[in-house]
Amino acid sequence: MSIYVSAITKHEAVASETTKTLIQLHNDVFGPIRVVEWGISFDGISSTATPARVKLMRQTTGGTMTQIGGGIKYNSNDTTSNASFRIGATAEPTGTTDLYELHQVTPTGGLLVKQYPLGREITLNSGERLGLVVTAGPSSAASALGYIVWEE
């Protein structure tokens, strides 16, 4: 199995009461891929900021986003990933009711990292998409970094 990571390399601003897809992982055309880990962090400084809602959810469209490529290989000898990831949504993708994770994370230096036990990873079949989506709380605009790790 080959392991890959997609990551945001600069902070993505999320305005108060706004929903933003930070990263979308798309299994383009090949066999299944398994999400083994994901994470998000915020850089807010206000002690009164309300928590942001962080979702990991299946999405049905690509929205309008910048396609980055196949992720970074953990092992430089592995082949390039068959999946791709997108960042910088200017038009949000369409979500589904398949919500895998929902958390409230403080935007004041909040951090969330989720690793799945072996055999219980999220599987994306050919053509499916998974989004790391943030909705900032009222009066709590912040910037976020995120990543998704998968194996093929």
Protein backbone atom coordinates (compact mmCIF):
# COMPACT_ATOMS: atom_id res chain seq x y z
CA MET A 1 0.00 0.00 0.00
CA SER A 2 1.14 3.51 -0.81
CA ILE A 3 0.39 6.43 1.52
CA TYR A 4 -0.18 10.04 0.43
CA VAL A 5 -1.01 13.33 2.14
CA SER A 6 -2.80 16.44 0.94
CA ALA A 7 -2.21 19.57 2.98
CA ILE A 8 -2.97 23.26 2.95
CA THR A 9 0.37 25.07 3.07
CA LYS A 10 -0.98 28.52 3.98
CA HIS A 11 -3.78 29.54 6.31
CA GLU A 12 -7.28 29.58 4.81
CA ALA A 13 -9.49 32.37 6.18
CA VAL A 14 -12.96 31.35 7.35
CA ALA A 15 -15.32 34.27 7.99
CA SER A 16 -17.82 34.28 10.85
CA GLU A 17 -20.91 32.09 10.17
CA THR A 18 -19.45 31.02 6.81
CA THR A 19 -18.99 27.46 5.53
CA LYS A 20 -15.79 26.66 3.64
CA THR A 21 -14.41 23.43 2.19
CA LEU A 22 -10.71 23.51 3.06
CA ILE A 23 -9.70 20.31 1.24
CA GLN A 24 -11.57 17.97 -1.07
CA LEU A 25 -10.13 14.54 -1.80
CA HIS A 26 -11.36 13.05 -5.10
CA ASN A 27 -10.85 9.42 -6.08
CA ASP A 28 -10.70 10.14 -9.80
CA VAL A 29 -11.15 6.86 -11.66
CA PHE A 30 -9.31 3.97 -10.03
CA GLY A 31 -9.92 1.44 -7.26
CA PRO A 32 -10.83 2.32 -3.70
CA ILE A 33 -8.73 4.57 -1.49
CA ARG A 34 -8.86 4.62 2.31
CA VAL A 35 -8.64 7.73 4.48
CA VAL A 36 -6.40 6.83 7.43
CA GLU A 37 -5.94 10.23 9.13
CA TRP A 38 -6.96 13.87 8.95
CA GLY A 39 -6.42 16.99 10.99
CA ILE A 40 -7.14 20.69 11.33
CA SER A 41 -5.75 23.58 13.36
CA PHE A 42 -6.77 27.20 13.88
CA ASP A 43 -4.75 30.32 14.65
CA GLY A 44 -7.33 32.59 16.32
CA ILE A 45 -6.32 34.73 19.31
CA SER A 46 -9.63 35.85 20.82
CA SER A 47 -10.47 34.18 24.13
CA THR A 48 -14.19 34.88 23.54
CA ALA A 49 -14.40 33.25 20.09
CA THR A 50 -17.09 30.58 19.72
CA PRO A 51 -16.12 27.12 18.44
CA ALA A 52 -16.01 26.33 14.73
CA ARG A 53 -17.90 23.30 13.44
CA VAL A 54 -15.56 20.92 11.61
CA LYS A 55 -17.06 18.25 9.34
CA LEU A 56 -15.63 15.40 7.34
CA MET A 57 -18.28 14.59 4.77
CA ARG A 58 -18.94 13.01 1.42
CA GLN A 59 -19.50 15.53 -1.40
CA THR A 60 -21.18 14.99 -4.75
CA THR A 61 -19.70 17.85 -6.80
CA GLY A 62 -16.33 19.54 -7.09
CA GLY A 63 -17.56 23.08 -6.63
CA THR A 64 -15.07 25.65 -7.90
CA MET A 65 -11.69 24.80 -6.40
CA THR A 66 -8.02 24.70 -7.39
CA GLN A 67 -6.83 21.19 -8.22
CA ILE A 68 -3.42 20.57 -6.70
CA GLY A 69 -2.58 17.05 -7.82
CA GLY A 70 -2.07 13.62 -6.36
CA GLY A 71 -0.71 14.42 -2.94
CA ILE A 72 2.71 13.99 -1.43
CA LYS A 73 4.10 10.43 -1.29
CA TYR A 74 5.26 9.16 2.10
CA ASN A 75 7.71 6.87 0.26
CA SER A 76 9.55 8.56 -2.61
CA ASN A 77 9.73 5.20 -4.46
CA ASP A 78 5.93 4.92 -4.68
CA THR A 79 4.05 5.86 -7.84
CA THR A 80 2.01 9.03 -8.11
CA SER A 81 -1.43 8.80 -6.51
CA ASN A 82 -4.46 8.07 -8.65
CA ALA A 83 -6.52 10.42 -6.46
CA SER A 84 -6.35 14.21 -6.49
CA PHE A 85 -7.08 16.94 -4.02
CA ARG A 86 -8.48 20.43 -4.34
CA ILE A 87 -8.25 23.54 -2.17
CA GLY A 88 -9.41 27.16 -2.16
CA ALA A 89 -13.15 26.80 -2.75
CA THR A 90 -14.68 29.91 -4.32
CA ALA A 91 -17.98 28.08 -4.94
CA GLU A 92 -18.78 25.39 -2.38
CA PRO A 93 -19.16 21.75 -3.46
CA THR A 94 -22.50 20.04 -2.85
CA GLY A 95 -22.51 17.89 0.27
CA THR A 96 -24.51 14.77 1.04
CA THR A 97 -26.06 13.44 4.22
CA ASP A 98 -22.99 11.17 4.59
CA LEU A 99 -21.42 13.02 7.51
CA TYR A 100 -18.54 10.97 8.95
CA GLU A 101 -17.28 13.37 11.60
CA LEU A 102 -18.67 16.49 13.29
CA HIS A 103 -16.68 18.34 15.93
CA GLN A 104 -16.62 21.73 17.63
CA VAL A 105 -13.08 23.11 17.75
CA THR A 106 -12.01 26.33 19.39
CA PRO A 107 -10.58 28.77 16.84
CA THR A 108 -8.18 30.00 19.55
CA GLY A 109 -5.28 27.72 18.71
CA GLY A 110 -7.57 24.69 18.43
CA LEU A 111 -6.21 21.42 17.08
CA LEU A 112 -7.97 18.20 16.05
CA VAL A 113 -6.22 15.10 14.68
CA LYS A 114 -8.16 11.92 13.88
CA GLN A 115 -6.55 8.56 13.06
CA TYR A 116 -8.74 5.59 12.12
CA PRO A 117 -8.05 2.09 13.47
CA LEU A 118 -7.02 -0.52 10.91
CA GLY A 119 -10.04 -1.91 9.09
CA ARG A 120 -12.26 1.07 10.00
CA GLU A 121 -10.97 3.67 7.56
CA ILE A 122 -13.31 5.72 5.36
CA THR A 123 -13.31 4.21 1.85
CA LEU A 124 -13.79 6.27 -1.29
CA ASN A 125 -14.68 4.30 -4.39
CA SER A 126 -14.03 5.46 -7.94
CA GLY A 127 -15.46 8.92 -8.62
CA GLU A 128 -16.29 9.72 -4.96
CA ARG A 129 -15.29 12.87 -3.04
CA LEU A 130 -14.61 13.66 0.61
CA GLY A 131 -14.47 17.19 2.01
CA LEU A 132 -12.94 18.73 5.12
CA VAL A 133 -15.47 21.48 5.80
CA VAL A 134 -15.43 24.28 8.39
CA THR A 135 -18.22 26.58 9.55
CA ALA A 136 -16.96 29.42 11.73
CA GLY A 137 -19.06 30.32 14.75
CA PRO A 138 -20.67 33.71 15.31
CA SER A 139 -18.05 36.43 15.83
CA SER A 140 -15.23 33.93 15.52
CA ALA A 141 -13.55 34.36 12.18
CA ALA A 142 -10.21 32.54 12.09
CA SER A 143 -7.72 30.96 9.75
CA ALA A 144 -7.23 27.21 9.44
CA LEU A 145 -4.74 24.65 8.20
CA GLY A 146 -5.76 21.09 7.38
CA TYR A 147 -4.63 17.81 5.89
CA ILE A 148 -5.92 14.38 4.83
CA VAL A 149 -3.81 11.19 4.66
CA TRP A 150 -4.94 8.27 2.49
CA GLU A 151 -3.67 4.97 1.18
CA GLU A 152 -4.14 3.24 -2.16
